[in-house]
C-alpha atoms as a PDB file:
ATOM      1  CA  MET A   1      13.378 -11.495  28.618  1.00  0.00           C
ATOM      2  CA  PRO A   2      16.719 -11.975  30.490  1.00  0.00           C
ATOM      3  CA  ARG A   3      17.096 -13.392  34.041  1.00  0.00           C
ATOM      4  CA  ILE A   4      15.678 -10.876  36.758  1.00  0.00           C
ATOM      5  CA  LEU A   5      18.886  -9.770  38.556  1.00  0.00           C
ATOM      6  CA  VAL A   6      18.881 -10.051  42.646  1.00  0.00           C
ATOM      7  CA  PHE A   7      21.308  -7.883  44.409  1.00  0.00           C
ATOM      8  CA  ASP A   8      22.651  -8.155  47.689  1.00  0.00           C
ATOM      9  CA  VAL A   9      22.866  -5.017  49.523  1.00  0.00           C
ATOM     10  CA  ASN A  10      25.483  -4.598  52.317  1.00  0.00           C
ATOM     11  CA  GLU A  11      28.982  -4.316  50.714  1.00  0.00           C
ATOM     12  CA  THR A  12      27.727  -5.254  47.409  1.00  0.00           C
ATOM     13  CA  LEU A  13      25.735  -1.910  46.675  1.00  0.00           C
ATOM     14  CA  LEU A  14      26.529  -0.157  49.890  1.00  0.00           C
ATOM     15  CA  ASP A  15      30.097   0.708  51.247  1.00  0.00           C
ATOM     16  CA  LEU A  16      30.459  -0.558  54.748  1.00  0.00           C
ATOM     17  CA  THR A  17      33.849   0.848  55.110  1.00  0.00           C
ATOM     18  CA  ALA A  18      32.107   4.104  56.076  1.00  0.00           C
ATOM     19  CA  LEU A  19      31.845   2.548  59.563  1.00  0.00           C
ATOM     20  CA  GLU A  20      35.716   2.466  60.087  1.00  0.00           C
ATOM     21  CA  PRO A  21      35.825   5.753  61.679  1.00  0.00           C
ATOM     22  CA  HIS A  22      33.535   4.295  64.607  1.00  0.00           C
ATOM     23  CA  PHE A  23      35.692   1.111  64.902  1.00  0.00           C
ATOM     24  CA  ALA A  24      38.967   3.255  65.164  1.00  0.00           C
ATOM     25  CA  ARG A  25      37.368   5.436  67.727  1.00  0.00           C
ATOM     26  CA  ALA A  26      35.869   2.501  69.719  1.00  0.00           C
ATOM     27  CA  PHE A  27      38.616  -0.052  69.262  1.00  0.00           C
ATOM     28  CA  GLY A  28      41.570   2.038  68.400  1.00  0.00           C
ATOM     29  CA  ASP A  29      41.777  -0.011  64.946  1.00  0.00           C
ATOM     30  CA  ARG A  30      39.471   0.624  61.931  1.00  0.00           C
ATOM     31  CA  ASN A  31      40.236  -3.042  60.749  1.00  0.00           C
ATOM     32  CA  ILE A  32      38.316  -4.648  63.453  1.00  0.00           C
ATOM     33  CA  LEU A  33      35.274  -3.524  61.332  1.00  0.00           C
ATOM     34  CA  ARG A  34      36.223  -6.737  59.115  1.00  0.00           C
ATOM     35  CA  GLU A  35      36.355  -8.850  61.985  1.00  0.00           C
ATOM     36  CA  TRP A  36      33.093  -7.886  63.491  1.00  0.00           C
ATOM     37  CA  PHE A  37      30.815  -8.052  60.196  1.00  0.00           C
ATOM     38  CA  ASN A  38      32.392 -11.675  59.513  1.00  0.00           C
ATOM     39  CA  GLN A  39      31.197 -12.495  63.074  1.00  0.00           C
ATOM     40  CA  VAL A  40      27.911 -11.079  62.246  1.00  0.00           C
ATOM     41  CA  ILE A  41      27.497 -13.146  59.139  1.00  0.00           C
ATOM     42  CA  GLN A  42      29.173 -16.229  60.998  1.00  0.00           C
ATOM     43  CA  TYR A  43      26.355 -16.240  63.686  1.00  0.00           C
ATOM     44  CA  ALA A  44      23.529 -15.386  61.394  1.00  0.00           C
ATOM     45  CA  GLU A  45      24.517 -18.560  59.554  1.00  0.00           C
ATOM     46  CA  ALA A  46      25.109 -20.379  62.755  1.00  0.00           C
ATOM     47  CA  LEU A  47      21.445 -19.624  64.257  1.00  0.00           C
ATOM     48  CA  THR A  48      19.915 -20.802  60.982  1.00  0.00           C
ATOM     49  CA  LEU A  49      21.864 -23.976  61.328  1.00  0.00           C
ATOM     50  CA  ALA A  50      20.760 -24.520  64.735  1.00  0.00           C
ATOM     51  CA  GLY A  51      17.166 -23.931  63.869  1.00  0.00           C
ATOM     52  CA  ASP A  52      16.988 -20.394  65.704  1.00  0.00           C
ATOM     53  CA  TYR A  53      16.199 -16.993  64.135  1.00  0.00           C
ATOM     54  CA  ARG A  54      16.958 -13.441  65.557  1.00  0.00           C
ATOM     55  CA  ASN A  55      16.701  -9.938  63.831  1.00  0.00           C
ATOM     56  CA  PHE A  56      20.045  -9.069  61.782  1.00  0.00           C
ATOM     57  CA  GLY A  57      20.235  -6.057  63.675  1.00  0.00           C
ATOM     58  CA  GLU A  58      20.087  -7.943  67.331  1.00  0.00           C
ATOM     59  CA  ILE A  59      22.656 -10.314  65.821  1.00  0.00           C
ATOM     60  CA  ALA A  60      25.016  -7.234  64.647  1.00  0.00           C
ATOM     61  CA  ARG A  61      24.784  -5.826  68.303  1.00  0.00           C
ATOM     62  CA  ALA A  62      25.590  -9.087  69.953  1.00  0.00           C
ATOM     63  CA  ALA A  63      28.594  -9.783  67.701  1.00  0.00           C
ATOM     64  CA  LEU A  64      29.802  -6.188  68.304  1.00  0.00           C
ATOM     65  CA  GLU A  65      29.600  -6.997  72.143  1.00  0.00           C
ATOM     66  CA  MET A  66      31.252 -10.212  71.631  1.00  0.00           C
ATOM     67  CA  THR A  67      34.000  -8.605  69.544  1.00  0.00           C
ATOM     68  CA  ALA A  68      34.446  -6.094  72.441  1.00  0.00           C
ATOM     69  CA  ASP A  69      34.545  -8.585  75.061  1.00  0.00           C
ATOM     70  CA  ALA A  70      37.400 -10.574  73.038  1.00  0.00           C
ATOM     71  CA  TYR A  71      39.469  -7.468  72.771  1.00  0.00           C
ATOM     72  CA  GLY A  72      38.668  -6.205  76.398  1.00  0.00           C
ATOM     73  CA  VAL A  73      37.236  -2.853  75.392  1.00  0.00           C
ATOM     74  CA  PRO A  74      34.783  -1.357  77.196  1.00  0.00           C
ATOM     75  CA  LEU A  75      32.056  -0.295  74.377  1.00  0.00           C
ATOM     76  CA  SER A  76      30.200   2.807  75.171  1.00  0.00           C
ATOM     77  CA  ALA A  77      26.282   2.770  74.281  1.00  0.00           C
ATOM     78  CA  GLU A  78      27.128   5.660  72.172  1.00  0.00           C
ATOM     79  CA  ASP A  79      29.788   3.800  70.203  1.00  0.00           C
ATOM     80  CA  ALA A  80      27.507   0.786  70.016  1.00  0.00           C
ATOM     81  CA  GLN A  81      24.639   3.078  68.682  1.00  0.00           C
ATOM     82  CA  ALA A  82      26.769   4.766  66.195  1.00  0.00           C
ATOM     83  CA  ILE A  83      27.905   1.602  64.547  1.00  0.00           C
ATOM     84  CA  ILE A  84      24.700  -0.391  64.572  1.00  0.00           C
ATOM     85  CA  GLY A  85      22.719   2.857  63.646  1.00  0.00           C
ATOM     86  CA  GLY A  86      25.254   3.515  60.826  1.00  0.00           C
ATOM     87  CA  ILE A  87      24.184   0.386  58.856  1.00  0.00           C
ATOM     88  CA  ARG A  88      20.822   2.187  58.083  1.00  0.00           C
ATOM     89  CA  ASN A  89      22.883   5.182  56.528  1.00  0.00           C
ATOM     90  CA  LEU A  90      25.721   3.367  54.653  1.00  0.00           C
ATOM     91  CA  PRO A  91      26.595   5.241  51.142  1.00  0.00           C
ATOM     92  CA  ALA A  92      26.419   3.457  47.915  1.00  0.00           C
ATOM     93  CA  HIS A  93      29.461   2.661  46.369  1.00  0.00           C
ATOM     94  CA  SER A  94      30.799   5.156  43.653  1.00  0.00           C
ATOM     95  CA  GLU A  95      29.674   3.075  40.754  1.00  0.00           C
ATOM     96  CA  ALA A  96      26.721   1.701  41.941  1.00  0.00           C
ATOM     97  CA  ALA A  97      24.204   4.255  40.605  1.00  0.00           C
ATOM     98  CA  ALA A  98      25.451   4.395  36.955  1.00  0.00           C
ATOM     99  CA  SER A  99      25.784   0.316  36.846  1.00  0.00           C
ATOM    100  CA  LEU A 100      22.150   0.076  37.787  1.00  0.00           C
ATOM    101  CA  SER A 101      21.134   2.798  35.541  1.00  0.00           C
ATOM    102  CA  ARG A 102      22.826   0.897  32.736  1.00  0.00           C
ATOM    103  CA  LEU A 103      21.056  -2.365  33.672  1.00  0.00           C
ATOM    104  CA  LYS A 104      17.583  -0.647  34.228  1.00  0.00           C
ATOM    105  CA  ASP A 105      17.913   1.339  30.676  1.00  0.00           C
ATOM    106  CA  ALA A 106      18.577  -2.342  29.158  1.00  0.00           C
ATOM    107  CA  GLY A 107      15.412  -3.578  30.426  1.00  0.00           C
ATOM    108  CA  PHE A 108      16.360  -5.943  33.142  1.00  0.00           C
ATOM    109  CA  ARG A 109      14.071  -6.334  36.267  1.00  0.00           C
ATOM    110  CA  MET A 110      15.969  -5.706  39.450  1.00  0.00           C
ATOM    111  CA  VAL A 111      15.186  -6.561  43.219  1.00  0.00           C
ATOM    112  CA  THR A 112      17.320  -6.690  46.326  1.00  0.00           C
ATOM    113  CA  LEU A 113      17.795  -9.564  49.119  1.00  0.00           C
ATOM    114  CA  THR A 114      19.403  -9.094  51.937  1.00  0.00           C
ATOM    115  CA  ASN A 115      19.813 -10.182  55.577  1.00  0.00           C
ATOM    116  CA  SER A 116      18.758  -6.905  57.001  1.00  0.00           C
ATOM    117  CA  PRO A 117      15.236  -6.351  58.218  1.00  0.00           C
ATOM    118  CA  PRO A 118      12.568  -4.876  55.673  1.00  0.00           C
ATOM    119  CA  ALA A 119      12.415  -1.433  57.540  1.00  0.00           C
ATOM    120  CA  ILE A 120      16.364  -1.235  57.094  1.00  0.00           C
ATOM    121  CA  VAL A 121      16.733  -2.095  53.542  1.00  0.00           C
ATOM    122  CA  ASP A 122      13.926  -0.067  52.544  1.00  0.00           C
ATOM    123  CA  ALA A 123      15.644   2.987  54.637  1.00  0.00           C
ATOM    124  CA  GLN A 124      19.044   2.173  52.903  1.00  0.00           C
ATOM    125  CA  MET A 125      17.691   2.273  49.547  1.00  0.00           C
ATOM    126  CA  LYS A 126      15.874   5.379  49.930  1.00  0.00           C
ATOM    127  CA  GLN A 127      18.628   7.247  51.487  1.00  0.00           C
ATOM    128  CA  THR A 128      20.815   6.494  48.738  1.00  0.00           C
ATOM    129  CA  ASN A 129      18.322   7.139  45.845  1.00  0.00           C
ATOM    130  CA  LEU A 130      18.821   3.324  44.675  1.00  0.00           C
ATOM    131  CA  ASP A 131      15.442   2.543  45.278  1.00  0.00           C
ATOM    132  CA  GLN A 132      14.605   3.916  41.569  1.00  0.00           C
ATOM    133  CA  TYR A 133      16.126   0.817  40.371  1.00  0.00           C
ATOM    134  CA  PHE A 134      14.408  -1.769  42.119  1.00  0.00           C
ATOM    135  CA  GLU A 135      11.005  -3.051  42.020  1.00  0.00           C
ATOM    136  CA  ARG A 136      11.012  -4.845  45.192  1.00  0.00           C
ATOM    137  CA  ASN A 137      13.135  -5.328  48.213  1.00  0.00           C
ATOM    138  CA  PHE A 138      13.433  -8.733  49.582  1.00  0.00           C
ATOM    139  CA  SER A 139      14.297  -9.759  53.163  1.00  0.00           C
ATOM    140  CA  VAL A 140      15.469 -13.126  54.761  1.00  0.00           C
ATOM    141  CA  ASP A 141      13.156 -11.968  57.696  1.00  0.00           C
ATOM    142  CA  ALA A 142       9.976 -13.519  55.519  1.00  0.00           C
ATOM    143  CA  VAL A 143      11.376 -16.790  55.503  1.00  0.00           C
ATOM    144  CA  GLN A 144      13.330 -16.583  59.072  1.00  0.00           C
ATOM    145  CA  LYS A 145      16.658 -18.318  57.457  1.00  0.00           C
ATOM    146  CA  TYR A 146      19.850 -16.551  56.687  1.00  0.00           C
ATOM    147  CA  LYS A 147      21.332 -16.668  53.163  1.00  0.00           C
ATOM    148  CA  PRO A 148      23.086 -18.931  52.154  1.00  0.00           C
ATOM    149  CA  ALA A 149      20.324 -21.249  52.948  1.00  0.00           C
ATOM    150  CA  PRO A 150      18.251 -22.246  49.990  1.00  0.00           C
ATOM    151  CA  GLU A 151      14.873 -20.679  51.103  1.00  0.00           C
ATOM    152  CA  PRO A 152      15.577 -17.109  50.678  1.00  0.00           C
ATOM    153  CA  TYR A 153      16.472 -17.532  47.044  1.00  0.00           C
ATOM    154  CA  ARG A 154      13.459 -19.696  46.406  1.00  0.00           C
ATOM    155  CA  MET A 155      11.199 -17.171  48.186  1.00  0.00           C
ATOM    156  CA  VAL A 156      12.224 -14.649  45.671  1.00  0.00           C
ATOM    157  CA  ALA A 157      11.582 -16.849  42.810  1.00  0.00           C
ATOM    158  CA  SER A 158       8.250 -17.787  44.265  1.00  0.00           C
ATOM    159  CA  GLU A 159       7.033 -13.889  44.933  1.00  0.00           C
ATOM    160  CA  LEU A 160       8.104 -12.980  41.630  1.00  0.00           C
ATOM    161  CA  GLY A 161       6.426 -16.079  39.729  1.00  0.00           C
ATOM    162  CA  VAL A 162       9.394 -17.556  38.084  1.00  0.00           C
ATOM    163  CA  GLU A 163      12.172 -20.413  38.799  1.00  0.00           C
ATOM    164  CA  THR A 164      15.269 -20.078  40.604  1.00  0.00           C
ATOM    165  CA  ARG A 165      17.002 -20.681  37.267  1.00  0.00           C
ATOM    166  CA  GLN A 166      15.657 -17.463  35.979  1.00  0.00           C
ATOM    167  CA  LEU A 167      17.273 -15.393  38.771  1.00  0.00           C
ATOM    168  CA  ARG A 168      20.765 -13.983  38.670  1.00  0.00           C
ATOM    169  CA  MET A 169      22.117 -13.333  42.166  1.00  0.00           C
ATOM    170  CA  ILE A 170      24.898 -10.604  42.433  1.00  0.00           C
ATOM    171  CA  ALA A 171      26.802 -10.282  45.542  1.00  0.00           C
ATOM    172  CA  ALA A 172      30.166  -9.427  46.896  1.00  0.00           C
ATOM    173  CA  HIS A 173      30.366 -12.634  49.308  1.00  0.00           C
ATOM    174  CA  ALA A 174      31.361 -16.047  48.053  1.00  0.00           C
ATOM    175  CA  TRP A 175      28.900 -17.572  50.425  1.00  0.00           C
ATOM    176  CA  ASP A 176      25.866 -15.852  48.885  1.00  0.00           C
ATOM    177  CA  VAL A 177      27.096 -16.613  45.319  1.00  0.00           C
ATOM    178  CA  GLY A 178      27.623 -20.245  46.247  1.00  0.00           C
ATOM    179  CA  GLY A 179      24.412 -20.377  48.020  1.00  0.00           C
ATOM    180  CA  ALA A 180      22.402 -18.742  45.426  1.00  0.00           C
ATOM    181  CA  MET A 181      23.928 -21.364  42.875  1.00  0.00           C
ATOM    182  CA  ARG A 182      23.227 -24.301  44.956  1.00  0.00           C
ATOM    183  CA  ALA A 183      19.641 -23.002  44.942  1.00  0.00           C
ATOM    184  CA  GLY A 184      19.464 -22.991  41.211  1.00  0.00           C
ATOM    185  CA  CYS A 185      20.211 -19.239  40.401  1.00  0.00           C
ATOM    186  CA  ALA A 186      22.831 -18.042  38.157  1.00  0.00           C
ATOM    187  CA  ALA A 187      25.303 -15.708  39.996  1.00  0.00           C
ATOM    188  CA  ALA A 188      27.511 -12.781  39.556  1.00  0.00           C
ATOM    189  CA  PHE A 189      30.602 -12.273  41.867  1.00  0.00           C
ATOM    190  CA  VAL A 190      31.832  -8.745  42.918  1.00  0.00           C
ATOM    191  CA  SER A 191      35.586  -9.258  44.129  1.00  0.00           C
ATOM    192  CA  ARG A 192      35.715  -6.244  45.884  1.00  0.00           C
ATOM    193  CA  PRO A 193      39.110  -5.583  47.861  1.00  0.00           C
ATOM    194  CA  GLY A 194      39.743  -8.581  50.313  1.00  0.00           C
ATOM    195  CA  LYS A 195      36.860 -10.745  48.626  1.00  0.00           C
ATOM    196  CA  ALA A 196      37.538 -13.951  46.723  1.00  0.00           C
ATOM    197  CA  LEU A 197      35.507 -16.919  45.436  1.00  0.00           C
ATOM    198  CA  PHE A 198      35.311 -20.084  47.374  1.00  0.00           C
ATOM    199  CA  PRO A 199      37.113 -23.007  45.623  1.00  0.00           C
ATOM    200  CA  LEU A 200      34.613 -25.698  46.680  1.00  0.00           C
ATOM    201  CA  PHE A 201      31.700 -23.623  45.210  1.00  0.00           C
ATOM    202  CA  SER A 202      30.886 -23.909  41.651  1.00  0.00           C
ATOM    203  CA  ARG A 203      32.417 -20.712  39.949  1.00  0.00           C
ATOM    204  CA  PRO A 204      29.936 -18.491  38.527  1.00  0.00           C
ATOM    205  CA  ASP A 205      30.097 -17.416  35.112  1.00  0.00           C
ATOM    206  CA  ILE A 206      30.438 -13.677  35.764  1.00  0.00           C
ATOM    207  CA  THR A 207      32.882 -11.983  38.209  1.00  0.00           C
ATOM    208  CA  GLY A 208      34.274  -8.629  37.971  1.00  0.00           C
ATOM    209  CA  ARG A 209      36.169  -5.925  40.416  1.00  0.00           C
ATOM    210  CA  ASP A 210      33.058  -3.697  40.732  1.00  0.00           C
ATOM    211  CA  LEU A 211      29.581  -3.305  39.697  1.00  0.00           C
ATOM    212  CA  ASN A 212      30.653  -1.316  36.796  1.00  0.00           C
ATOM    213  CA  GLU A 213      32.523  -4.510  35.658  1.00  0.00           C
ATOM    214  CA  VAL A 214      29.761  -6.784  36.333  1.00  0.00           C
ATOM    215  CA  SER A 215      26.992  -4.991  34.963  1.00  0.00           C
ATOM    216  CA  LEU A 216      28.768  -4.841  31.682  1.00  0.00           C
ATOM    217  CA  ALA A 217      29.497  -8.415  31.611  1.00  0.00           C
ATOM    218  CA  ILE A 218      25.869  -9.249  32.360  1.00  0.00           C
ATOM    219  CA  LEU A 219      24.546  -7.045  29.272  1.00  0.00           C
ATOM    220  CA  GLN A 220      27.005  -9.330  27.546  1.00  0.00           C
ATOM    221  CA  ALA A 221      26.100 -12.317  28.863  1.00  0.00           C
ATOM    222  CA  GLU A 222      22.455 -12.276  28.898  1.00  0.00           C
ATOM    223  CA  SER A 223      22.019 -10.705  25.298  1.00  0.00           C
ATOM    224  CA  THR A 224      24.147 -13.613  23.629  1.00  0.00           C
ATOM    225  CA  ALA A 225      23.485 -16.706  25.737  1.00  0.00           C
ATOM    226  CA  GLY A 226      20.444 -19.040  25.210  1.00  0.00           C
ATOM    227  CA  LEU A 227      18.937 -18.293  28.702  1.00  0.00           C
ATOM    228  CA  PRO A 228      15.759 -19.069  30.174  1.00  0.00           C
ATOM    229  CA  THR A 229      13.074 -16.354  29.725  1.00  0.00           C
ATOM    230  CA  THR A 230      10.706 -15.112  32.130  1.00  0.00           C
ATOM    231  CA  ASP A 231       7.542 -15.421  29.832  1.00  0.00           C
END
């Protein structure tokens, strides 16, 4: 059998740009969304490095308050809730369902691995109808260390009863792809607009502009290469 496919969720499967109108209203600039989300990821990783752990939603709210302070914007409770609560209701990228269906029809086992808490990812998958493609949703909450620390990837492998080399991480974040590969996984990078690989990490064998390209490349790679099996 081919590798088990492990999908990141936010930005990889789900479209974060749906939050842009909230940033346009609250900050007068929709592009601050990117700055805020980068801060969320940065401080999640910083907490892990510092030996601390907080819920991803708590980090997202703290980063939003920090961003508002940096811009001198009086952020209302309503705007803050629209942004933080909006994460639960992000739409799927337009090609996500068809790409996942293609992989499932080909016999791939698929799971998710996200920084979000279990209740959030479960809600995200259900409201987008993507839950039908995945056998399990995994959260870093189980190990209380954020990706790209090796523990989340190793946890998924352990829970599935395989070695990390039998997993392929699919993500739109260079740090996630790089972390997975350092933990022993294969990887595939989704180079969505504004995303690029980090040159100091090893380059994954699969890259594509969206999940359609990546899924087709996975079908080709896993069917022709001499890969480890999950037997």
